[in-house]
Amino acid sequence: MSEGDSVGDSVHGKPSVVYRFFTRLGQIYHSWLDKSTPYTAVQWVVTLGLSFVYMIRVYLLQGWYVVTYALGICHLNLFIAFLSPKVDPSLMEDSDDGPSLPTKQKEEFRPFIRRLPEFKFWHAATKGILVALICTFFEAFNVPVFWPILVMYFIMLF
């Protein structure tokens, strides 16, 4: 590999200013995420607050129904993944008697492992709300639709 071929390298082999900026920004972001991990109640309160701000904004502006519908579908998908087991018991090749308890000392009994852990669920839900909130600042995302149809679609998917 020659100079300048790797990601973020400038012509002289040093990382570019833009690459260093975004790398540092990512490190700061992950540092804040790591610091917020023990405070699950605060995380969910902030997410509910953002959700409330989004709902008030959409209500006052009377629009952005497609964005709201997409946010609802996103949250529904995340919620289903959160409630689903990591391994589908119906696909396991056990006997027809159903699941059994561990029979060896080394086997660990895990009754339920989620496909989507709570932290990732919170993180994805919060990012979704923030993206939807940002979309409400651009008129291009305010697609005129008959919103009761979207409500019926959402109820049917739910």
C-alpha atoms as a PDB file:
ATOM      1  CA  MET A   1       0.000   0.000   0.000  1.00  0.00           C
ATOM      2  CA  SER A   2       1.427   3.356  -0.957  1.00  0.00           C
ATOM      3  CA  GLU A   3       1.135   6.648   0.839  1.00  0.00           C
ATOM      4  CA  GLY A   4      -2.348   8.111   0.853  1.00  0.00           C
ATOM      5  CA  ASP A   5      -4.088   4.775   0.185  1.00  0.00           C
ATOM      6  CA  SER A   6      -5.428   4.120   3.664  1.00  0.00           C
ATOM      7  CA  VAL A   7      -8.619   5.679   4.930  1.00  0.00           C
ATOM      8  CA  GLY A   8      -8.140   9.199   6.231  1.00  0.00           C
ATOM      9  CA  ASP A   9      -4.545   9.560   5.065  1.00  0.00           C
ATOM     10  CA  SER A  10      -3.496  12.689   3.333  1.00  0.00           C
ATOM     11  CA  VAL A  11      -0.860  12.824   0.596  1.00  0.00           C
ATOM     12  CA  HIS A  12       2.016  12.876   3.104  1.00  0.00           C
ATOM     13  CA  GLY A  13       0.918   9.770   5.059  1.00  0.00           C
ATOM     14  CA  LYS A  14      -0.467  11.674   8.057  1.00  0.00           C
ATOM     15  CA  PRO A  15      -4.158  11.503   8.907  1.00  0.00           C
ATOM     16  CA  SER A  16      -6.083  14.402   7.445  1.00  0.00           C
ATOM     17  CA  VAL A  17      -7.609  17.077   9.642  1.00  0.00           C
ATOM     18  CA  VAL A  18     -11.146  15.987   8.747  1.00  0.00           C
ATOM     19  CA  TYR A  19     -10.382  12.338   9.587  1.00  0.00           C
ATOM     20  CA  ARG A  20      -8.824  13.316  12.941  1.00  0.00           C
ATOM     21  CA  PHE A  21     -11.799  15.594  13.727  1.00  0.00           C
ATOM     22  CA  PHE A  22     -14.400  12.896  13.118  1.00  0.00           C
ATOM     23  CA  THR A  23     -12.315  10.272  14.909  1.00  0.00           C
ATOM     24  CA  ARG A  24     -12.069  12.524  17.942  1.00  0.00           C
ATOM     25  CA  LEU A  25     -15.776  13.355  17.724  1.00  0.00           C
ATOM     26  CA  GLY A  26     -16.583   9.618  17.700  1.00  0.00           C
ATOM     27  CA  GLN A  27     -14.349   9.049  20.716  1.00  0.00           C
ATOM     28  CA  ILE A  28     -16.075  11.819  22.669  1.00  0.00           C
ATOM     29  CA  TYR A  29     -19.497  10.442  21.697  1.00  0.00           C
ATOM     30  CA  HIS A  30     -18.615   6.926  22.857  1.00  0.00           C
ATOM     31  CA  SER A  31     -17.117   8.322  26.045  1.00  0.00           C
ATOM     32  CA  TRP A  32     -20.410  10.054  26.866  1.00  0.00           C
ATOM     33  CA  LEU A  33     -22.325   6.860  26.033  1.00  0.00           C
ATOM     34  CA  ASP A  34     -20.063   4.863  28.355  1.00  0.00           C
ATOM     35  CA  LYS A  35     -20.554   7.390  31.146  1.00  0.00           C
ATOM     36  CA  SER A  36     -24.348   7.279  30.747  1.00  0.00           C
ATOM     37  CA  THR A  37     -24.595   3.470  30.883  1.00  0.00           C
ATOM     38  CA  PRO A  38     -25.268   3.141  34.650  1.00  0.00           C
ATOM     39  CA  TYR A  39     -28.060   5.728  34.569  1.00  0.00           C
ATOM     40  CA  THR A  40     -30.789   3.780  32.769  1.00  0.00           C
ATOM     41  CA  ALA A  41     -33.652   5.692  34.390  1.00  0.00           C
ATOM     42  CA  VAL A  42     -32.147   9.020  33.312  1.00  0.00           C
ATOM     43  CA  GLN A  43     -31.611   7.670  29.796  1.00  0.00           C
ATOM     44  CA  TRP A  44     -35.263   6.702  29.443  1.00  0.00           C
ATOM     45  CA  VAL A  45     -36.480   9.991  30.962  1.00  0.00           C
ATOM     46  CA  VAL A  46     -34.403  11.905  28.412  1.00  0.00           C
ATOM     47  CA  THR A  47     -35.771   9.733  25.607  1.00  0.00           C
ATOM     48  CA  LEU A  48     -39.353  10.269  26.778  1.00  0.00           C
ATOM     49  CA  GLY A  49     -38.652  14.003  27.004  1.00  0.00           C
ATOM     50  CA  LEU A  50     -37.330  14.057  23.438  1.00  0.00           C
ATOM     51  CA  SER A  51     -40.357  12.082  22.335  1.00  0.00           C
ATOM     52  CA  PHE A  52     -42.644  14.600  24.037  1.00  0.00           C
ATOM     53  CA  VAL A  53     -40.819  17.511  22.361  1.00  0.00           C
ATOM     54  CA  TYR A  54     -41.200  15.754  18.997  1.00  0.00           C
ATOM     55  CA  MET A  55     -44.927  15.145  19.521  1.00  0.00           C
ATOM     56  CA  ILE A  56     -45.520  18.765  20.547  1.00  0.00           C
ATOM     57  CA  ARG A  57     -43.587  19.998  17.502  1.00  0.00           C
ATOM     58  CA  VAL A  58     -45.560  17.786  15.097  1.00  0.00           C
ATOM     59  CA  TYR A  59     -48.844  18.768  16.741  1.00  0.00           C
ATOM     60  CA  LEU A  60     -48.114  22.491  16.556  1.00  0.00           C
ATOM     61  CA  LEU A  61     -46.859  22.356  12.961  1.00  0.00           C
ATOM     62  CA  GLN A  62     -49.664  20.033  11.800  1.00  0.00           C
ATOM     63  CA  GLY A  63     -47.549  17.998   9.436  1.00  0.00           C
ATOM     64  CA  TRP A  64     -44.726  15.514   9.022  1.00  0.00           C
ATOM     65  CA  TYR A  65     -47.068  12.524   9.268  1.00  0.00           C
ATOM     66  CA  VAL A  66     -44.874  10.318   7.090  1.00  0.00           C
ATOM     67  CA  VAL A  67     -41.883  11.029   9.338  1.00  0.00           C
ATOM     68  CA  THR A  68     -43.987  10.211  12.395  1.00  0.00           C
ATOM     69  CA  TYR A  69     -45.207   7.013  10.740  1.00  0.00           C
ATOM     70  CA  ALA A  70     -41.628   5.988   9.937  1.00  0.00           C
ATOM     71  CA  LEU A  71     -40.592   6.727  13.528  1.00  0.00           C
ATOM     72  CA  GLY A  72     -43.472   4.600  14.806  1.00  0.00           C
ATOM     73  CA  ILE A  73     -42.496   1.702  12.536  1.00  0.00           C
ATOM     74  CA  CYS A  74     -38.877   2.047  13.659  1.00  0.00           C
ATOM     75  CA  HIS A  75     -39.876   1.947  17.332  1.00  0.00           C
ATOM     76  CA  LEU A  76     -42.214  -0.980  16.722  1.00  0.00           C
ATOM     77  CA  ASN A  77     -39.412  -2.921  15.030  1.00  0.00           C
ATOM     78  CA  LEU A  78     -37.039  -2.144  17.918  1.00  0.00           C
ATOM     79  CA  PHE A  79     -39.655  -3.160  20.483  1.00  0.00           C
ATOM     80  CA  ILE A  80     -40.283  -6.492  18.746  1.00  0.00           C
ATOM     81  CA  ALA A  81     -36.537  -7.177  18.648  1.00  0.00           C
ATOM     82  CA  PHE A  82     -36.314  -6.239  22.336  1.00  0.00           C
ATOM     83  CA  LEU A  83     -39.067  -8.706  23.266  1.00  0.00           C
ATOM     84  CA  SER A  84     -37.805 -11.514  21.023  1.00  0.00           C
ATOM     85  CA  PRO A  85     -35.387 -14.180  22.206  1.00  0.00           C
ATOM     86  CA  LYS A  86     -31.903 -14.258  20.746  1.00  0.00           C
ATOM     87  CA  VAL A  87     -32.301 -17.887  19.719  1.00  0.00           C
ATOM     88  CA  ASP A  88     -35.674 -19.042  18.484  1.00  0.00           C
ATOM     89  CA  PRO A  89     -36.563 -22.150  20.532  1.00  0.00           C
ATOM     90  CA  SER A  90     -38.701 -23.529  17.716  1.00  0.00           C
ATOM     91  CA  LEU A  91     -35.636 -23.739  15.452  1.00  0.00           C
ATOM     92  CA  MET A  92     -33.515 -25.646  17.952  1.00  0.00           C
ATOM     93  CA  GLU A  93     -33.230 -29.356  17.221  1.00  0.00           C
ATOM     94  CA  ASP A  94     -34.258 -30.642  20.642  1.00  0.00           C
ATOM     95  CA  SER A  95     -36.610 -33.454  21.314  1.00  0.00           C
ATOM     96  CA  ASP A  96     -40.324 -32.917  20.889  1.00  0.00           C
ATOM     97  CA  ASP A  97     -40.734 -32.678  24.662  1.00  0.00           C
ATOM     98  CA  GLY A  98     -39.784 -29.002  24.657  1.00  0.00           C
ATOM     99  CA  PRO A  99     -36.946 -27.171  26.356  1.00  0.00           C
ATOM    100  CA  SER A 100     -35.120 -28.935  29.143  1.00  0.00           C
ATOM    101  CA  LEU A 101     -33.086 -27.906  32.153  1.00  0.00           C
ATOM    102  CA  PRO A 102     -29.282 -28.136  32.075  1.00  0.00           C
ATOM    103  CA  THR A 103     -28.013 -31.657  32.697  1.00  0.00           C
ATOM    104  CA  LYS A 104     -24.290 -30.982  33.131  1.00  0.00           C
ATOM    105  CA  GLN A 105     -22.453 -28.911  35.703  1.00  0.00           C
ATOM    106  CA  LYS A 106     -20.837 -26.713  33.017  1.00  0.00           C
ATOM    107  CA  GLU A 107     -24.093 -25.839  31.271  1.00  0.00           C
ATOM    108  CA  GLU A 108     -25.486 -22.490  32.287  1.00  0.00           C
ATOM    109  CA  PHE A 109     -29.234 -22.085  32.496  1.00  0.00           C
ATOM    110  CA  ARG A 110     -30.312 -18.953  30.655  1.00  0.00           C
ATOM    111  CA  PRO A 111     -34.048 -18.713  30.507  1.00  0.00           C
ATOM    112  CA  PHE A 112     -34.223 -15.709  28.221  1.00  0.00           C
ATOM    113  CA  ILE A 113     -31.620 -13.744  26.285  1.00  0.00           C
ATOM    114  CA  ARG A 114     -32.930 -10.801  24.317  1.00  0.00           C
ATOM    115  CA  ARG A 115     -32.116 -10.322  20.659  1.00  0.00           C
ATOM    116  CA  LEU A 116     -31.725  -6.579  21.288  1.00  0.00           C
ATOM    117  CA  PRO A 117     -30.265  -5.558  24.677  1.00  0.00           C
ATOM    118  CA  GLU A 118     -31.867  -2.677  26.557  1.00  0.00           C
ATOM    119  CA  PHE A 119     -28.969  -0.284  26.021  1.00  0.00           C
ATOM    120  CA  LYS A 120     -28.993  -0.801  22.245  1.00  0.00           C
ATOM    121  CA  PHE A 121     -32.787  -0.490  22.266  1.00  0.00           C
ATOM    122  CA  TRP A 122     -32.560   2.841  24.113  1.00  0.00           C
ATOM    123  CA  HIS A 123     -29.728   4.075  21.891  1.00  0.00           C
ATOM    124  CA  ALA A 124     -31.508   3.231  18.628  1.00  0.00           C
ATOM    125  CA  ALA A 125     -34.838   4.658  19.857  1.00  0.00           C
ATOM    126  CA  THR A 126     -33.188   7.920  20.908  1.00  0.00           C
ATOM    127  CA  LYS A 127     -31.316   8.226  17.613  1.00  0.00           C
ATOM    128  CA  GLY A 128     -34.578   7.623  15.763  1.00  0.00           C
ATOM    129  CA  ILE A 129     -36.337  10.394  17.676  1.00  0.00           C
ATOM    130  CA  LEU A 130     -33.452  12.798  17.030  1.00  0.00           C
ATOM    131  CA  VAL A 131     -33.432  12.013  13.296  1.00  0.00           C
ATOM    132  CA  ALA A 132     -37.202  12.486  13.105  1.00  0.00           C
ATOM    133  CA  LEU A 133     -36.913  15.761  15.029  1.00  0.00           C
ATOM    134  CA  ILE A 134     -34.248  17.007  12.617  1.00  0.00           C
ATOM    135  CA  CYS A 135     -36.449  16.000   9.661  1.00  0.00           C
ATOM    136  CA  THR A 136     -39.189  18.322  10.929  1.00  0.00           C
ATOM    137  CA  PHE A 137     -36.935  21.295  10.200  1.00  0.00           C
ATOM    138  CA  PHE A 138     -36.962  20.548   6.455  1.00  0.00           C
ATOM    139  CA  GLU A 139     -40.086  21.138   4.421  1.00  0.00           C
ATOM    140  CA  ALA A 140     -39.063  18.452   1.909  1.00  0.00           C
ATOM    141  CA  PHE A 141     -40.013  15.772   4.463  1.00  0.00           C
ATOM    142  CA  ASN A 142     -43.495  17.221   4.964  1.00  0.00           C
ATOM    143  CA  VAL A 143     -45.207  14.965   2.429  1.00  0.00           C
ATOM    144  CA  PRO A 144     -48.962  15.594   2.252  1.00  0.00           C
ATOM    145  CA  VAL A 145     -50.818  12.402   3.124  1.00  0.00           C
ATOM    146  CA  PHE A 146     -54.187  11.472   4.563  1.00  0.00           C
ATOM    147  CA  TRP A 147     -52.983  10.642   8.068  1.00  0.00           C
ATOM    148  CA  PRO A 148     -55.859   8.294   9.107  1.00  0.00           C
ATOM    149  CA  ILE A 149     -54.618   5.837   6.471  1.00  0.00           C
ATOM    150  CA  LEU A 150     -51.186   5.826   8.129  1.00  0.00           C
ATOM    151  CA  VAL A 151     -52.789   5.233  11.519  1.00  0.00           C
ATOM    152  CA  MET A 152     -54.703   2.246  10.113  1.00  0.00           C
ATOM    153  CA  TYR A 153     -51.516   0.838   8.528  1.00  0.00           C
ATOM    154  CA  PHE A 154     -49.700   1.180  11.841  1.00  0.00           C
ATOM    155  CA  ILE A 155     -52.511  -0.523  13.757  1.00  0.00           C
ATOM    156  CA  MET A 156     -52.517  -3.374  11.251  1.00  0.00           C
ATOM    157  CA  LEU A 157     -48.732  -3.783  11.583  1.00  0.00           C
ATOM    158  CA  PHE A 158     -48.953  -3.651  15.353  1.00  0.00           C
END
